Amino acid sequence: MIGVSDDHKNASRIKAMDIDEVLLDTEDRMTKSAADFDAYLKTVRSGQASIEAIEHVHIEVAAYGGEPTPLKNLAVIAKADARMLTVKPFDAKTIKDIEKGFSIANLGLTINNDGKIIRVSFPPMSEENRKRQVKQIKDRLEQHKVTIRNIRHEGQKGLKSLEKAAGISEDDLKKAEHNVNDLTKQYENHLEAAFEKKSKEVMTV
């Protein structure tokens, strides 16, 4: 049998994408990156009470095997006022575990447990802390923008590989490249808008 080169073997294992598949893959990955940034912003503290800031705190409940469980799966979280949330456990026996979970999370919040309900107060943030928070958000923004640009580069590279594919014209490729650039601008604008909104929220006294 005639030997087959490694390059040929590798090429035969790669499923070539068509233009639509490249565009769908590019958009899907950009969507996930934007969603990740949005999810991060929900956890960022501001001076305002925010359910999203605590609902994912992991609580270890000994009676349930000690497995870390998101707070939202253990209690009803409600907004009492602009700076306070209430946490009412589904099972009253878990209230001490929830209180301990807040202590371990060290979110800088004031926790008051009356035996039935936990009240979570969001203390006003100093201007210095607000500015530090915005800087951290800005750093995360830049990381996600780099991710979006890398996805664009990989999408353009995928289209480049289709130049000699049968049935794909030069005009088709140019149109697809424009689409990738449009997607990049769309998601970069989304990231910037989300950053501006959260920064304004953080800096508002």
Protein backbone atom coordinates (compact mmCIF):
# COMPACT_ATOMS: atom_id res chain seq x y z
CA MET A 1 0.00 0.00 0.00
CA ILE A 2 1.27 3.43 -0.86
CA GLY A 3 1.98 5.50 2.26
CA VAL A 4 -0.16 8.56 3.02
CA SER A 5 1.56 11.69 4.31
CA ASP A 6 0.66 13.07 7.76
CA ASP A 7 -0.44 16.34 6.13
CA HIS A 8 -2.84 14.45 3.90
CA LYS A 9 -4.20 12.47 6.85
CA ASN A 10 -4.78 15.68 8.84
CA ALA A 11 -6.46 17.39 5.90
CA SER A 12 -8.80 14.42 5.43
CA ARG A 13 -9.94 14.69 9.06
CA ILE A 14 -10.86 18.37 8.80
CA LYS A 15 -14.45 19.01 7.81
CA ALA A 16 -14.43 22.04 5.59
CA MET A 17 -16.94 24.72 6.55
CA ASP A 18 -18.95 26.63 3.97
CA ILE A 19 -19.52 30.38 4.22
CA ASP A 20 -22.75 30.12 6.22
CA GLU A 21 -21.15 27.77 8.72
CA VAL A 22 -18.20 30.11 9.22
CA LEU A 23 -20.54 33.06 9.80
CA LEU A 24 -22.78 31.10 12.17
CA ASP A 25 -19.80 29.84 14.14
CA THR A 26 -18.34 33.35 14.34
CA GLU A 27 -21.60 34.88 15.55
CA ASP A 28 -22.21 32.09 18.04
CA ARG A 29 -18.80 32.56 19.65
CA MET A 30 -19.17 36.35 19.76
CA THR A 31 -22.61 35.95 21.35
CA LYS A 32 -21.17 33.72 24.06
CA SER A 33 -18.36 36.19 24.79
CA ALA A 34 -20.85 39.07 25.11
CA ALA A 35 -23.12 36.96 27.33
CA ASP A 36 -20.15 36.14 29.56
CA PHE A 37 -19.40 39.85 29.99
CA ASP A 38 -23.06 40.58 30.75
CA ALA A 39 -23.11 37.83 33.38
CA TYR A 40 -19.95 39.24 34.96
CA LEU A 41 -21.45 42.74 35.17
CA LYS A 42 -24.44 41.38 37.11
CA THR A 43 -22.09 40.25 39.87
CA VAL A 44 -20.33 43.63 40.17
CA ARG A 45 -21.28 45.59 43.27
CA SER A 46 -22.59 49.09 43.16
CA GLY A 47 -24.16 51.14 45.93
CA GLN A 48 -27.57 49.77 44.94
CA ALA A 49 -29.02 46.48 46.18
CA SER A 50 -28.80 43.90 43.41
CA ILE A 51 -30.26 40.38 43.46
CA GLU A 52 -27.80 39.33 40.74
CA ALA A 53 -24.89 40.26 43.01
CA ILE A 54 -25.76 37.52 45.52
CA GLU A 55 -27.93 34.90 43.81
CA HIS A 56 -24.91 32.88 42.67
CA VAL A 57 -23.14 32.87 46.04
CA HIS A 58 -22.28 29.24 46.74
CA ILE A 59 -23.66 27.83 49.97
CA GLU A 60 -22.47 24.57 51.50
CA VAL A 61 -25.37 22.92 53.33
CA ALA A 62 -24.22 20.04 55.53
CA ALA A 63 -27.67 18.44 55.51
CA TYR A 64 -27.56 18.31 51.70
CA GLY A 65 -24.16 16.63 51.55
CA GLY A 66 -22.07 19.78 51.69
CA GLU A 67 -22.13 20.33 47.92
CA PRO A 68 -21.85 24.06 46.98
CA THR A 69 -25.31 25.23 45.91
CA PRO A 70 -26.23 28.61 44.40
CA LEU A 71 -28.18 30.75 46.86
CA LYS A 72 -31.05 31.17 44.40
CA ASN A 73 -31.70 27.42 44.69
CA LEU A 74 -32.01 27.64 48.48
CA ALA A 75 -34.00 30.80 49.12
CA VAL A 76 -36.34 33.48 47.84
CA ILE A 77 -34.35 36.68 47.27
CA ALA A 78 -36.30 39.93 47.18
CA LYS A 79 -35.52 43.63 47.06
CA ALA A 80 -36.67 45.39 50.24
CA ASP A 81 -35.48 48.85 49.22
CA ALA A 82 -32.73 50.58 47.25
CA ARG A 83 -29.98 49.29 49.55
CA MET A 84 -31.39 46.11 51.07
CA LEU A 85 -32.33 42.59 49.99
CA THR A 86 -34.15 39.93 51.98
CA VAL A 87 -33.24 36.25 51.79
CA LYS A 88 -35.89 33.77 52.97
CA PRO A 89 -34.72 30.13 52.93
CA PHE A 90 -37.02 27.47 51.51
CA ASP A 91 -35.87 25.34 54.44
CA ALA A 92 -35.48 27.30 57.70
CA LYS A 93 -32.81 24.84 58.86
CA THR A 94 -30.39 26.12 56.21
CA ILE A 95 -30.37 29.74 57.41
CA LYS A 96 -27.11 29.38 59.37
CA ASP A 97 -25.44 27.71 56.37
CA ILE A 98 -26.55 30.63 54.19
CA GLU A 99 -25.22 33.16 56.69
CA LYS A 100 -21.91 31.29 56.78
CA GLY A 101 -21.81 31.26 52.97
CA PHE A 102 -22.07 35.06 52.91
CA SER A 103 -19.22 35.28 55.40
CA ILE A 104 -17.01 33.05 53.26
CA ALA A 105 -17.92 34.96 50.07
CA ASN A 106 -16.69 38.18 51.73
CA LEU A 107 -18.70 40.51 49.51
CA GLY A 108 -18.39 43.51 51.79
CA LEU A 109 -22.12 43.42 52.59
CA THR A 110 -23.81 43.75 55.98
CA ILE A 111 -25.65 40.54 56.93
CA ASN A 112 -28.39 40.41 59.60
CA ASN A 113 -29.99 37.07 60.51
CA ASP A 114 -33.15 37.19 62.65
CA GLY A 115 -33.62 33.42 62.57
CA LYS A 116 -36.23 33.47 59.81
CA ILE A 117 -35.00 35.97 57.24
CA ILE A 118 -31.54 37.27 56.36
CA ARG A 119 -31.36 40.96 55.53
CA VAL A 120 -28.50 41.93 53.23
CA SER A 121 -27.53 45.61 53.26
CA PHE A 122 -25.38 47.21 50.58
CA PRO A 123 -23.22 49.88 52.26
CA PRO A 124 -22.49 53.06 50.31
CA MET A 125 -19.19 52.79 48.43
CA SER A 126 -16.46 55.38 48.76
CA GLU A 127 -15.48 57.31 45.65
CA GLU A 128 -12.11 55.53 45.68
CA ASN A 129 -13.79 52.12 45.70
CA ARG A 130 -16.18 53.20 42.95
CA LYS A 131 -13.29 54.25 40.73
CA ARG A 132 -11.44 51.01 41.49
CA GLN A 133 -14.56 49.04 40.56
CA VAL A 134 -14.90 50.88 37.25
CA LYS A 135 -11.24 50.20 36.46
CA GLN A 136 -11.78 46.48 37.05
CA ILE A 137 -14.80 46.53 34.76
CA LYS A 138 -12.74 48.37 32.13
CA ASP A 139 -10.03 45.72 32.33
CA ARG A 140 -12.60 42.97 31.83
CA LEU A 141 -14.10 44.92 28.92
CA GLU A 142 -10.73 45.04 27.18
CA GLN A 143 -10.26 41.29 27.65
CA HIS A 144 -13.60 40.59 25.99
CA LYS A 145 -12.87 43.00 23.15
CA VAL A 146 -9.64 41.12 22.49
CA THR A 147 -11.65 37.88 22.45
CA ILE A 148 -14.09 39.35 19.91
CA ARG A 149 -11.21 40.48 17.68
CA ASN A 150 -9.58 37.05 17.89
CA ILE A 151 -12.87 35.46 16.85
CA ARG A 152 -13.03 37.90 13.93
CA HIS A 153 -9.49 36.92 12.91
CA GLU A 154 -10.35 33.22 13.05
CA GLY A 155 -13.54 33.83 11.07
CA GLN A 156 -11.63 35.72 8.37
CA LYS A 157 -9.06 32.94 8.33
CA GLY A 158 -11.83 30.39 7.87
CA LEU A 159 -13.21 32.35 4.92
CA LYS A 160 -9.72 32.66 3.43
CA SER A 161 -9.47 28.88 3.40
CA LEU A 162 -12.54 28.74 1.13
CA GLU A 163 -10.98 30.81 -1.67
CA LYS A 164 -10.45 27.77 -3.89
CA ALA A 165 -13.60 25.91 -2.88
CA ALA A 166 -15.93 24.96 -5.71
CA GLY A 167 -19.02 27.10 -6.10
CA ILE A 168 -17.77 30.01 -3.98
CA SER A 169 -17.10 33.24 -5.83
CA GLU A 170 -14.81 36.10 -4.89
CA ASP A 171 -17.87 38.32 -4.41
CA ASP A 172 -19.37 35.78 -1.99
CA LEU A 173 -16.19 35.83 0.09
CA LYS A 174 -15.98 39.63 0.13
CA LYS A 175 -19.59 39.86 1.27
CA ALA A 176 -18.92 37.31 4.01
CA GLU A 177 -15.83 39.23 5.16
CA HIS A 178 -17.96 42.38 5.43
CA ASN A 179 -20.47 40.39 7.49
CA VAL A 180 -17.74 39.29 9.89
CA ASN A 181 -16.59 42.90 10.28
CA ASP A 182 -20.19 44.01 10.87
CA LEU A 183 -20.61 41.34 13.55
CA THR A 184 -17.40 42.52 15.19
CA LYS A 185 -18.63 46.12 15.34
CA GLN A 186 -22.03 44.98 16.61
CA TYR A 187 -20.60 43.02 19.54
CA GLU A 188 -17.93 45.59 20.35
CA ASN A 189 -20.70 48.21 20.53
CA HIS A 190 -22.69 45.89 22.79
CA LEU A 191 -19.73 45.51 25.15
CA GLU A 192 -19.10 49.26 25.22
CA ALA A 193 -22.75 50.06 25.92
CA ALA A 194 -22.91 47.52 28.74
CA PHE A 195 -19.70 48.94 30.22
CA GLU A 196 -21.00 52.51 30.09
CA LYS A 197 -24.30 51.56 31.72
CA LYS A 198 -22.66 49.62 34.55
CA SER A 199 -19.99 52.28 35.12
CA LYS A 200 -22.68 54.93 35.45
CA GLU A 201 -24.53 52.72 37.93
CA VAL A 202 -21.38 52.18 40.01
CA MET A 203 -20.48 55.87 40.07
CA THR A 204 -24.00 57.01 40.99
CA VAL A 205 -24.21 57.90 44.69
